[in-house]
Amino acid sequence: MMKFVCDTELIERMINNRGWLFVIFFSRFSIPCDQFLLEVRRLSDELWRSAMFLGLDVDENPTKTAELTIFEFPTTVILKGPNAVARYAGPYSREALLARFKELRKVHR
């Protein structure tokens, strides 16, 4: 399941994260973002025991988006614990994200 958060909740969850965390930065005014969020929701339903999924609307949270130098939407940041281990700009299919996640899990145990 994917949860939508504000910037203050996002920072708290990133700092306190102990497992895998996908953070999706999206614009609600973007058709590619809408389509990508459908793929992410499918993936989050599949990986709910392995990873947490958070969505941050960049239109409602421009400060945090700028601080993290995120200028292309959608952007996916994957964290292992409090550390970012991957960052992908642009929309991906559920299959492509899953393949990338499996590779990351091999490298970052």
C-alpha atoms as a PDB file:
ATOM      1  CA  MET A   1       0.000   0.000   0.000  1.00  0.00           C
ATOM      2  CA  MET A   2       1.214   3.463  -0.832  1.00  0.00           C
ATOM      3  CA  LYS A   3       0.788   6.336   1.604  1.00  0.00           C
ATOM      4  CA  PHE A   4       0.770   9.997   0.581  1.00  0.00           C
ATOM      5  CA  VAL A   5       2.636  12.283   2.978  1.00  0.00           C
ATOM      6  CA  CYS A   6       3.603  15.924   3.487  1.00  0.00           C
ATOM      7  CA  ASP A   7       7.224  17.054   3.597  1.00  0.00           C
ATOM      8  CA  THR A   8       7.546  17.033   7.415  1.00  0.00           C
ATOM      9  CA  GLU A   9       6.240  13.474   7.681  1.00  0.00           C
ATOM     10  CA  LEU A  10       8.523  12.437   4.826  1.00  0.00           C
ATOM     11  CA  ILE A  11      11.637  13.708   6.616  1.00  0.00           C
ATOM     12  CA  GLU A  12      10.638  11.951   9.832  1.00  0.00           C
ATOM     13  CA  ARG A  13      10.066   8.658   8.030  1.00  0.00           C
ATOM     14  CA  MET A  14      13.316   8.945   6.053  1.00  0.00           C
ATOM     15  CA  ILE A  15      15.361   9.569   9.203  1.00  0.00           C
ATOM     16  CA  ASN A  16      13.692   6.780  11.174  1.00  0.00           C
ATOM     17  CA  ASN A  17      13.612   4.283   8.318  1.00  0.00           C
ATOM     18  CA  ARG A  18      15.100   0.874   9.118  1.00  0.00           C
ATOM     19  CA  GLY A  19      14.059  -1.137   6.055  1.00  0.00           C
ATOM     20  CA  TRP A  20      13.385  -0.443   2.380  1.00  0.00           C
ATOM     21  CA  LEU A  21      11.558   2.758   1.532  1.00  0.00           C
ATOM     22  CA  PHE A  22      10.397   3.956  -1.894  1.00  0.00           C
ATOM     23  CA  VAL A  23       9.696   7.693  -2.058  1.00  0.00           C
ATOM     24  CA  ILE A  24       7.801   8.779  -5.158  1.00  0.00           C
ATOM     25  CA  PHE A  25       7.920  12.478  -6.041  1.00  0.00           C
ATOM     26  CA  PHE A  26       5.073  13.257  -8.415  1.00  0.00           C
ATOM     27  CA  SER A  27       3.000  16.090  -9.823  1.00  0.00           C
ATOM     28  CA  ARG A  28      -0.752  15.687  -9.760  1.00  0.00           C
ATOM     29  CA  PHE A  29      -0.912  17.748 -12.958  1.00  0.00           C
ATOM     30  CA  SER A  30       1.178  15.275 -14.950  1.00  0.00           C
ATOM     31  CA  ILE A  31      -0.321  12.463 -17.019  1.00  0.00           C
ATOM     32  CA  PRO A  32       2.940  10.432 -16.913  1.00  0.00           C
ATOM     33  CA  CYS A  33       2.893  10.741 -13.118  1.00  0.00           C
ATOM     34  CA  ASP A  34      -0.713   9.519 -12.946  1.00  0.00           C
ATOM     35  CA  GLN A  35       0.143   6.483 -15.044  1.00  0.00           C
ATOM     36  CA  PHE A  36       3.309   5.834 -13.050  1.00  0.00           C
ATOM     37  CA  LEU A  37       1.432   5.989  -9.736  1.00  0.00           C
ATOM     38  CA  LEU A  38      -0.800   3.159 -10.954  1.00  0.00           C
ATOM     39  CA  GLU A  39       2.308   1.041 -11.551  1.00  0.00           C
ATOM     40  CA  VAL A  40       3.734   1.981  -8.146  1.00  0.00           C
ATOM     41  CA  ARG A  41       0.483   1.086  -6.384  1.00  0.00           C
ATOM     42  CA  ARG A  42       0.536  -2.336  -8.034  1.00  0.00           C
ATOM     43  CA  LEU A  43       4.130  -2.834  -6.914  1.00  0.00           C
ATOM     44  CA  SER A  44       3.431  -1.615  -3.377  1.00  0.00           C
ATOM     45  CA  ASP A  45       0.580  -4.130  -3.085  1.00  0.00           C
ATOM     46  CA  GLU A  46       3.003  -6.856  -4.126  1.00  0.00           C
ATOM     47  CA  LEU A  47       5.902  -5.779  -1.870  1.00  0.00           C
ATOM     48  CA  TRP A  48       3.990  -4.644   1.216  1.00  0.00           C
ATOM     49  CA  ARG A  49       5.992  -7.018   3.448  1.00  0.00           C
ATOM     50  CA  SER A  50       9.360  -5.965   2.013  1.00  0.00           C
ATOM     51  CA  ALA A  51       9.135  -2.208   1.543  1.00  0.00           C
ATOM     52  CA  MET A  52       7.206   0.916   2.428  1.00  0.00           C
ATOM     53  CA  PHE A  53       5.979   3.276  -0.299  1.00  0.00           C
ATOM     54  CA  LEU A  54       5.466   7.001   0.248  1.00  0.00           C
ATOM     55  CA  GLY A  55       4.244   9.570  -2.253  1.00  0.00           C
ATOM     56  CA  LEU A  56       5.008  13.286  -2.075  1.00  0.00           C
ATOM     57  CA  ASP A  57       3.074  15.723  -4.258  1.00  0.00           C
ATOM     58  CA  VAL A  58       5.692  18.214  -5.451  1.00  0.00           C
ATOM     59  CA  ASP A  59       3.058  20.876  -6.123  1.00  0.00           C
ATOM     60  CA  GLU A  60       2.030  20.871  -2.470  1.00  0.00           C
ATOM     61  CA  ASN A  61       5.582  20.457  -1.092  1.00  0.00           C
ATOM     62  CA  PRO A  62       7.904  22.547  -3.271  1.00  0.00           C
ATOM     63  CA  THR A  63      10.441  23.331  -0.533  1.00  0.00           C
ATOM     64  CA  LYS A  64      11.431  19.742   0.197  1.00  0.00           C
ATOM     65  CA  THR A  65      11.489  18.912  -3.493  1.00  0.00           C
ATOM     66  CA  ALA A  66      13.934  21.765  -4.145  1.00  0.00           C
ATOM     67  CA  GLU A  67      16.087  20.849  -1.123  1.00  0.00           C
ATOM     68  CA  LEU A  68      16.458  17.323  -2.486  1.00  0.00           C
ATOM     69  CA  THR A  69      17.230  18.703  -5.976  1.00  0.00           C
ATOM     70  CA  ILE A  70      14.372  16.866  -7.615  1.00  0.00           C
ATOM     71  CA  PHE A  71      13.442  18.609 -10.842  1.00  0.00           C
ATOM     72  CA  GLU A  72      12.013  15.816 -13.003  1.00  0.00           C
ATOM     73  CA  PHE A  73       8.742  14.105 -12.228  1.00  0.00           C
ATOM     74  CA  PRO A  74       8.090  11.419 -11.402  1.00  0.00           C
ATOM     75  CA  THR A  75      11.276  10.663  -9.497  1.00  0.00           C
ATOM     76  CA  THR A  76      11.721   7.585  -7.336  1.00  0.00           C
ATOM     77  CA  VAL A  77      14.222   7.568  -4.480  1.00  0.00           C
ATOM     78  CA  ILE A  78      14.870   4.212  -2.812  1.00  0.00           C
ATOM     79  CA  LEU A  79      16.304   4.123   0.678  1.00  0.00           C
ATOM     80  CA  LYS A  80      17.781   1.277   2.694  1.00  0.00           C
ATOM     81  CA  GLY A  81      17.617   2.469   6.256  1.00  0.00           C
ATOM     82  CA  PRO A  82      18.155   6.242   6.283  1.00  0.00           C
ATOM     83  CA  ASN A  83      20.448   6.136   3.232  1.00  0.00           C
ATOM     84  CA  ALA A  84      19.394   6.698  -0.358  1.00  0.00           C
ATOM     85  CA  VAL A  85      20.736   3.847  -2.490  1.00  0.00           C
ATOM     86  CA  ALA A  86      19.062   4.635  -5.820  1.00  0.00           C
ATOM     87  CA  ARG A  87      17.339   7.460  -7.636  1.00  0.00           C
ATOM     88  CA  TYR A  88      15.375   7.061 -10.851  1.00  0.00           C
ATOM     89  CA  ALA A  89      13.887   9.915 -12.856  1.00  0.00           C
ATOM     90  CA  GLY A  90      10.941   9.258 -15.117  1.00  0.00           C
ATOM     91  CA  PRO A  91       8.147   6.715 -15.213  1.00  0.00           C
ATOM     92  CA  TYR A  92       8.943   2.998 -15.074  1.00  0.00           C
ATOM     93  CA  SER A  93       6.786  -0.077 -15.362  1.00  0.00           C
ATOM     94  CA  ARG A  94       6.060  -2.209 -12.315  1.00  0.00           C
ATOM     95  CA  GLU A  95       8.263  -4.913 -13.812  1.00  0.00           C
ATOM     96  CA  ALA A  96      11.211  -2.543 -14.321  1.00  0.00           C
ATOM     97  CA  LEU A  97      10.972  -1.187 -10.768  1.00  0.00           C
ATOM     98  CA  LEU A  98      10.727  -4.698  -9.368  1.00  0.00           C
ATOM     99  CA  ALA A  99      13.825  -5.794 -11.316  1.00  0.00           C
ATOM    100  CA  ARG A 100      15.783  -2.781 -10.041  1.00  0.00           C
ATOM    101  CA  PHE A 101      14.633  -3.445  -6.475  1.00  0.00           C
ATOM    102  CA  LYS A 102      15.750  -7.080  -6.672  1.00  0.00           C
ATOM    103  CA  GLU A 103      19.195  -5.950  -7.830  1.00  0.00           C
ATOM    104  CA  LEU A 104      19.425  -3.412  -5.011  1.00  0.00           C
ATOM    105  CA  ARG A 105      18.511  -6.058  -2.446  1.00  0.00           C
ATOM    106  CA  LYS A 106      21.424  -8.194  -3.627  1.00  0.00           C
ATOM    107  CA  VAL A 107      23.884  -5.331  -3.251  1.00  0.00           C
ATOM    108  CA  HIS A 108      22.530  -3.751  -0.039  1.00  0.00           C
ATOM    109  CA  ARG A 109      21.817  -6.532   2.422  1.00  0.00           C
END
